[in-house]
Protein backbone atom coordinates (compact mmCIF):
# COMPACT_ATOMS: atom_id res chain seq x y z
CA UNK A 1 149.83 -102.47 192.63
CA UNK A 2 153.31 -101.59 193.92
CA UNK A 3 156.01 -102.07 191.31
CA UNK A 4 158.98 -104.16 192.35
CA UNK A 5 162.29 -102.26 192.66
CA UNK A 6 164.66 -102.27 189.71
CA UNK A 7 167.16 -104.39 191.65
CA UNK A 8 164.73 -107.27 192.22
CA UNK A 9 166.18 -110.38 190.52
CA UNK A 10 163.02 -110.96 188.48
CA UNK A 11 162.91 -107.44 187.11
CA UNK A 12 166.65 -107.36 186.41
CA UNK A 13 166.39 -110.70 184.61
CA UNK A 14 163.73 -109.26 182.29
CA UNK A 15 165.80 -106.22 181.36
CA UNK A 16 169.21 -107.95 181.22
CA UNK A 17 169.02 -108.69 177.44
CA UNK A 18 168.52 -104.96 176.83
CA UNK A 19 171.52 -104.17 179.02
CA UNK A 20 173.75 -106.69 177.24
CA UNK A 21 172.76 -105.13 173.92
CA UNK A 22 173.55 -101.75 175.43
CA UNK A 23 177.08 -102.95 176.15
CA UNK A 24 177.56 -104.06 172.54
CA UNK A 25 176.25 -100.74 171.23
CA UNK A 26 178.50 -98.69 173.54
CA UNK A 27 181.54 -100.78 172.56
CA UNK A 28 180.66 -100.32 168.88
CA UNK A 29 180.28 -96.57 169.30
CA UNK A 30 183.68 -96.22 170.92
CA UNK A 31 185.30 -98.31 168.17
CA UNK A 32 183.56 -96.22 165.48
CA UNK A 33 184.98 -92.98 166.87
CA UNK A 34 188.45 -94.49 167.40
CA UNK A 35 188.58 -95.58 163.75
CA UNK A 36 187.89 -91.97 162.71
CA UNK A 37 190.61 -90.47 164.91
CA UNK A 38 188.31 -88.95 167.51
CA UNK A 39 189.58 -88.43 171.04
CA UNK A 40 187.27 -89.45 173.88
CA UNK A 41 187.08 -86.70 176.49
CA UNK A 42 185.56 -86.83 179.97
CA UNK A 43 183.84 -83.53 180.72
CA UNK A 44 183.15 -82.57 184.32
CA UNK A 45 179.52 -82.67 185.45
CA UNK A 46 179.70 -79.80 187.97
CA UNK A 47 179.46 -76.49 186.11
CA UNK A 48 179.02 -72.75 186.64
CA UNK A 49 176.12 -72.79 184.19
CA UNK A 50 174.03 -75.85 183.28
CA UNK A 51 173.07 -74.39 179.90
CA UNK A 52 170.96 -71.39 178.91
CA UNK A 53 167.91 -72.79 177.14
CA UNK A 54 164.54 -71.52 178.33
CA UNK A 55 162.81 -74.84 178.91
CA UNK A 56 165.71 -76.88 180.29
CA UNK A 57 165.69 -77.25 184.08
CA UNK A 58 168.82 -78.10 186.03
CA UNK A 59 169.75 -79.73 189.32
CA UNK A 60 171.42 -77.23 191.66
CA UNK A 61 173.97 -77.73 194.40
CA UNK A 62 176.42 -75.74 196.53
CA UNK A 63 180.19 -75.82 196.23
CA UNK A 64 181.66 -75.13 199.66
CA UNK A 65 185.21 -73.80 199.52
CA UNK A 66 187.85 -74.51 202.21
CA UNK A 67 187.15 -71.08 203.73
CA UNK A 68 183.46 -72.09 204.08
CA UNK A 69 182.32 -69.69 201.36
CA UNK A 70 179.49 -71.05 199.23
CA UNK A 71 179.18 -70.90 195.45
CA UNK A 72 176.25 -72.15 193.39
CA UNK A 73 176.97 -74.92 190.89
CA UNK A 74 174.81 -77.04 188.57
CA UNK A 75 174.84 -80.55 187.16
CA UNK A 76 175.24 -80.04 183.44
CA UNK A 77 172.34 -80.64 181.05
CA UNK A 78 174.92 -81.30 178.32
CA UNK A 79 178.73 -81.34 178.07
CA UNK A 80 178.47 -78.76 175.27
CA UNK A 81 180.08 -75.80 177.02
CA UNK A 82 183.03 -77.88 178.20
CA UNK A 83 183.50 -79.46 174.77
CA UNK A 84 183.58 -76.05 173.11
CA UNK A 85 186.29 -74.92 175.50
CA UNK A 86 188.31 -77.98 174.46
CA UNK A 87 187.87 -76.99 170.81
CA UNK A 88 189.15 -73.53 171.73
CA UNK A 89 192.12 -75.19 173.42
CA UNK A 90 193.06 -76.90 170.16
CA UNK A 91 191.26 -80.25 170.04
CA UNK A 92 189.72 -80.98 166.64
CA UNK A 93 187.72 -84.22 166.87
CA UNK A 94 186.27 -85.10 170.26
CA UNK A 95 183.41 -87.10 171.73
CA UNK A 96 182.00 -87.37 175.23
CA UNK A 97 179.96 -90.36 176.39
CA UNK A 98 178.52 -89.65 179.81
CA UNK A 99 175.62 -88.82 182.05
CA UNK A 100 173.66 -85.57 181.90
CA UNK A 101 170.90 -84.30 184.18
CA UNK A 102 167.58 -82.60 183.43
CA UNK A 103 165.01 -81.80 186.06
CA UNK A 104 161.23 -81.86 185.51
CA UNK A 105 161.58 -84.62 182.90
CA UNK A 106 159.95 -88.03 183.39
CA UNK A 107 158.18 -89.97 180.61
CA UNK A 108 158.71 -93.25 178.78
CA UNK A 109 161.44 -91.52 176.74
CA UNK A 110 162.67 -88.99 179.34
CA UNK A 111 164.64 -89.52 182.55
CA UNK A 112 166.19 -87.02 184.97
CA UNK A 113 169.58 -88.71 184.47
CA UNK A 114 170.51 -90.28 181.15
CA UNK A 115 173.45 -91.01 178.87
CA UNK A 116 174.31 -88.53 176.15
CA UNK A 117 176.72 -89.09 173.29
CA UNK A 118 178.06 -85.74 172.12
CA UNK A 119 180.73 -85.11 169.49
CA UNK A 120 182.35 -82.26 167.58
CA UNK A 121 184.30 -81.78 164.37
CA UNK A 122 186.38 -78.63 164.03
CA UNK A 123 186.38 -76.99 160.59
CA UNK A 124 183.87 -79.47 159.16
CA UNK A 125 180.36 -78.77 157.89
CA UNK A 126 177.33 -79.91 159.80
CA UNK A 127 176.39 -82.12 156.84
CA UNK A 128 179.26 -84.35 157.97
CA UNK A 129 177.79 -84.53 161.47
CA UNK A 130 174.42 -85.50 159.99
CA UNK A 131 176.10 -88.34 158.10
CA UNK A 132 177.78 -89.44 161.36
CA UNK A 133 174.39 -89.68 163.07
CA UNK A 134 172.91 -91.85 160.34
CA UNK A 135 175.89 -94.22 160.48
CA UNK A 136 175.68 -94.54 164.26
CA UNK A 137 171.98 -95.36 164.11
CA UNK A 138 172.78 -98.19 161.69
CA UNK A 139 175.61 -99.32 163.98
CA UNK A 140 173.22 -99.55 166.94
CA UNK A 141 170.77 -101.65 164.95
CA UNK A 142 173.52 -104.03 163.85
CA UNK A 143 174.93 -104.36 167.37
CA UNK A 144 171.46 -105.10 168.74
CA UNK A 145 170.79 -107.62 165.97
CA UNK A 146 167.71 -105.90 164.58
CA UNK A 147 166.64 -104.73 161.13
CA UNK A 148 163.72 -102.58 162.30
CA UNK A 149 163.00 -100.07 165.03
CA UNK A 150 159.57 -100.19 166.67
CA UNK A 151 157.85 -97.65 168.88
CA UNK A 152 154.13 -97.43 169.66
CA UNK A 153 153.02 -98.98 166.41
CA UNK A 154 155.50 -97.06 164.27
CA UNK A 155 158.28 -98.80 162.35
CA UNK A 156 161.54 -97.54 160.83
CA UNK A 157 164.25 -99.32 158.87
CA UNK A 158 167.58 -97.87 160.09
CA UNK A 159 169.35 -99.15 156.97
CA UNK A 160 166.99 -97.42 154.52
CA UNK A 161 168.07 -94.13 152.92
CA UNK A 162 167.25 -91.32 155.34
CA UNK A 163 164.44 -88.91 154.56
CA UNK A 164 165.51 -85.25 154.61
CA UNK A 165 162.99 -82.51 155.32
CA UNK A 166 163.49 -78.85 156.07
CA UNK A 167 161.40 -77.62 158.98
CA UNK A 168 159.53 -75.31 156.61
CA UNK A 169 158.70 -78.22 154.30
CA UNK A 170 157.56 -80.40 157.20
CA UNK A 171 155.29 -77.66 158.57
CA UNK A 172 153.71 -77.15 155.16
CA UNK A 173 153.35 -80.89 154.52
CA UNK A 174 151.91 -81.95 157.88
CA UNK A 175 150.34 -78.78 159.30
CA UNK A 176 149.53 -76.62 156.26
CA UNK A 177 151.63 -73.78 157.69
CA UNK A 178 153.84 -71.38 155.72
CA UNK A 179 156.44 -71.08 158.44
CA UNK A 180 158.92 -68.83 156.62
CA UNK A 181 156.19 -66.22 156.09
CA UNK A 182 156.11 -65.75 159.89
CA UNK A 183 159.85 -65.00 160.16
CA UNK A 184 161.85 -61.81 159.64
CA UNK A 185 165.56 -62.47 160.14
CA UNK A 186 166.04 -63.29 163.82
CA UNK A 187 162.53 -62.11 164.77
CA UNK A 188 159.18 -63.85 164.49
CA UNK A 189 155.59 -62.74 163.85
CA UNK A 190 153.36 -64.36 166.44
CA UNK A 191 150.08 -63.24 164.84
CA UNK A 192 151.10 -64.48 161.39
CA UNK A 193 151.68 -67.95 162.84
CA UNK A 194 148.54 -67.87 165.00
CA UNK A 195 146.37 -67.15 161.96
CA UNK A 196 147.60 -70.33 160.28
CA UNK A 197 147.61 -72.51 163.35
CA UNK A 198 145.36 -75.58 163.47
CA UNK A 199 146.18 -76.58 167.03
CA UNK A 200 144.83 -75.17 170.27
CA UNK A 201 146.76 -72.40 171.97
CA UNK A 202 146.08 -69.67 174.51
CA UNK A 203 146.31 -65.91 174.28
CA UNK A 204 149.58 -65.73 176.21
CA UNK A 205 151.36 -68.26 173.99
CA UNK A 206 154.34 -66.81 172.15
CA UNK A 207 155.43 -67.61 168.59
CA UNK A 208 157.79 -70.18 170.08
CA UNK A 209 154.99 -71.79 172.11
CA UNK A 210 152.76 -72.12 169.04
CA UNK A 211 155.69 -73.41 166.96
CA UNK A 212 156.37 -76.10 169.58
CA UNK A 213 152.71 -77.15 169.73
CA UNK A 214 152.57 -77.58 165.96
CA UNK A 215 155.86 -79.45 165.92
CA UNK A 216 154.85 -81.87 168.69
CA UNK A 217 151.25 -82.52 167.65
CA UNK A 218 151.31 -82.27 163.85
CA UNK A 219 154.86 -82.81 162.64
CA UNK A 220 156.83 -85.12 164.95
CA UNK A 221 154.36 -88.06 164.82
CA UNK A 222 155.07 -88.27 161.06
CA UNK A 223 158.86 -88.25 161.28
CA UNK A 224 161.07 -91.30 161.12
CA UNK A 225 158.32 -93.54 159.76
CA UNK A 226 159.68 -96.23 157.45
CA UNK A 227 163.16 -94.65 157.54
CA UNK A 228 165.17 -92.21 159.63
CA UNK A 229 164.19 -88.55 159.13
CA UNK A 230 166.63 -85.65 159.21
CA UNK A 231 164.69 -82.48 160.06
CA UNK A 232 166.93 -79.51 159.28
CA UNK A 233 167.11 -75.74 158.80
CA UNK A 234 165.31 -74.79 162.00
CA UNK A 235 164.13 -71.19 162.36
CA UNK A 236 166.98 -69.06 163.67
CA UNK A 237 164.82 -67.98 166.61
CA UNK A 238 164.68 -71.68 167.67
CA UNK A 239 168.43 -72.28 167.50
CA UNK A 240 170.24 -70.24 170.14
CA UNK A 241 173.53 -72.11 169.67
CA UNK A 242 173.58 -72.46 165.88
CA UNK A 243 174.95 -70.43 162.98
CA UNK A 244 172.49 -68.67 160.70
CA UNK A 245 172.35 -70.19 157.20
CA UNK A 246 174.31 -68.19 154.64
CA UNK A 247 171.49 -68.45 152.06
CA UNK A 248 168.64 -67.31 154.36
CA UNK A 249 168.97 -65.35 157.61
CA UNK A 250 165.59 -66.68 158.80
CA UNK A 251 166.90 -70.21 159.26
CA UNK A 252 169.85 -71.85 160.95
CA UNK A 253 172.26 -74.75 160.72
CA UNK A 254 170.33 -76.84 163.20
CA UNK A 255 168.98 -80.34 162.64
CA UNK A 256 167.26 -83.11 164.57
CA UNK A 257 167.17 -86.83 163.84
CA UNK A 258 163.98 -88.88 164.26
CA UNK A 259 163.05 -92.55 164.21
CA UNK A 260 159.48 -93.80 164.81
CA UNK A 261 158.42 -90.29 165.79
CA UNK A 262 161.10 -90.19 168.54
CA UNK A 263 163.76 -87.47 168.55
CA UNK A 264 167.22 -89.03 168.81
CA UNK A 265 169.70 -86.22 168.15
CA UNK A 266 170.00 -82.44 168.02
CA UNK A 267 172.94 -80.87 166.19
CA UNK A 268 174.34 -77.58 164.94
CA UNK A 269 176.76 -75.75 162.81
CA UNK A 270 178.09 -74.02 165.92
CA UNK A 271 177.78 -70.31 166.61
CA UNK A 272 181.20 -68.82 167.45
CA UNK A 273 180.33 -65.12 167.76
CA UNK A 274 180.55 -64.30 171.50
CA UNK A 275 178.53 -61.08 171.24
CA UNK A 276 175.67 -62.75 169.40
CA UNK A 277 175.85 -65.73 171.77
CA UNK A 278 175.55 -63.43 174.79
CA UNK A 279 172.54 -61.72 173.21
CA UNK A 280 170.83 -65.05 172.60
CA UNK A 281 171.62 -66.42 176.07
CA UNK A 282 170.29 -63.24 177.68
CA UNK A 283 167.07 -63.44 175.67
CA UNK A 284 166.62 -67.11 176.65
CA UNK A 285 167.16 -66.35 180.32
CA UNK A 286 164.84 -63.33 180.22
CA UNK A 287 162.10 -65.61 178.93
CA UNK A 288 162.94 -68.30 181.47
CA UNK A 289 162.63 -65.77 184.28
CA UNK A 290 159.27 -64.63 182.90
CA UNK A 291 157.90 -68.19 182.60
CA UNK A 292 159.52 -69.96 185.55
CA UNK A 293 160.81 -67.21 187.86
CA UNK A 294 164.40 -68.44 187.50
CA UNK A 295 167.47 -67.73 185.39
CA UNK A 296 170.85 -69.46 185.16
CA UNK A 297 174.16 -67.61 184.97
CA UNK A 298 175.95 -67.17 181.66
CA UNK A 299 179.26 -69.02 181.49
CA UNK A 300 181.69 -66.13 180.91
CA UNK A 301 184.54 -68.56 180.25
CA UNK A 302 182.54 -70.04 177.38
CA UNK A 303 182.12 -66.63 175.78
CA UNK A 304 185.86 -66.06 176.08
CA UNK A 305 186.50 -69.50 174.58
CA UNK A 306 184.31 -68.69 171.57
CA UNK A 307 186.82 -66.02 170.60
CA UNK A 308 189.38 -68.81 170.14
CA UNK A 309 187.12 -71.59 168.91
CA UNK A 310 187.43 -72.52 165.21
CA UNK A 311 184.35 -73.09 163.02
CA UNK A 312 182.87 -76.40 164.11
CA UNK A 313 179.87 -78.67 164.02
CA UNK A 314 178.52 -80.75 166.86
CA UNK A 315 175.62 -82.92 167.94
CA UNK A 316 174.10 -84.48 171.05
CA UNK A 317 172.50 -87.92 170.70
CA UNK A 318 170.34 -89.48 173.41
CA UNK A 319 172.02 -92.86 173.66
CA UNK A 320 169.39 -94.42 175.93
CA UNK A 321 166.64 -93.58 173.44
CA UNK A 322 168.62 -95.07 170.56
CA UNK A 323 169.20 -98.23 172.60
CA UNK A 324 165.46 -98.38 173.39
CA UNK A 325 164.54 -98.39 169.72
CA UNK A 326 167.30 -100.82 168.78
CA UNK A 327 166.39 -103.35 171.48
CA UNK A 328 162.60 -103.05 171.46
CA UNK A 329 162.44 -101.71 175.03
CA UNK A 330 159.28 -99.79 175.87
CA UNK A 331 160.64 -97.51 178.63
CA UNK A 332 163.92 -95.70 179.04
CA UNK A 333 164.58 -97.23 182.46
CA UNK A 334 164.71 -100.69 180.85
CA UNK A 335 168.01 -99.80 179.14
CA UNK A 336 169.59 -98.07 182.16
CA UNK A 337 171.63 -100.17 184.56
CA UNK A 338 170.64 -98.18 187.66
CA UNK A 339 167.70 -95.89 186.82
CA UNK A 340 166.67 -92.96 189.01
CA UNK A 341 163.27 -93.32 190.75
């Protein structure tokens, strides 16, 4: 059966309640940030580098100069690099609410173009950013007029006290894995993790591959059940943009927020060391080239900006996913005004 287009009156009528709730949530988000003296910024989409994470895939285009010379540009996968440059320029509390683009992504909770809410606090700990996330989840529920999130048979109360789990605790609890025993500073022991692994993997899988399989199959389905879950202290080798924790060099100031087994946000205590950031970006792109035959350029202006950037914390929240859970939608395109097909 051929599905009717999104602009058919019948289909639009069905999704219109979700879209009206979306409007209330967006208005509430902007008011929340205004009340806390944040400045809304509007970061450009066209960038020299789309981001340097191994498994993120960008849309590419050509910038043609007046002299007909051609330069490669990318649609950003996040406004992160631009926001950090604004922090270097002197801004202290900023948020960006806009579209981002990720290729090779299409599921009920993924879309190639979606709305990301990203914000930063200069000279504030990432615990404050975590608290922000929890408040905004509650705000979305209130704006949508719901007291429970539902997704594929799972339920979460956004007003209930959030559960907090370190990644190491979650791996031990749900997968029987001693994760920290497989880490040595910023290196990992693939064989030590493989010996403990209770999920299928192949000989060529790296430590990171096995970690991801355990996270997706054993851990994530148990997160955000009954209440929001904050999963924090990610292994340093899985946090290319985050500071290492002062109490343990094996882990980092990275967290993710979950509801009903769905990841909603990914945040950091931001790394500001340009030499270490270059090393991490290079390692990520080396692996990307090995796996996918492609690498993206490093944004040299970002590395220069890090020399000026103050200590900061930041987070990216998938607004469409949050709206899905708050409204009871079952697909991400139901909460997007003009989805990409």
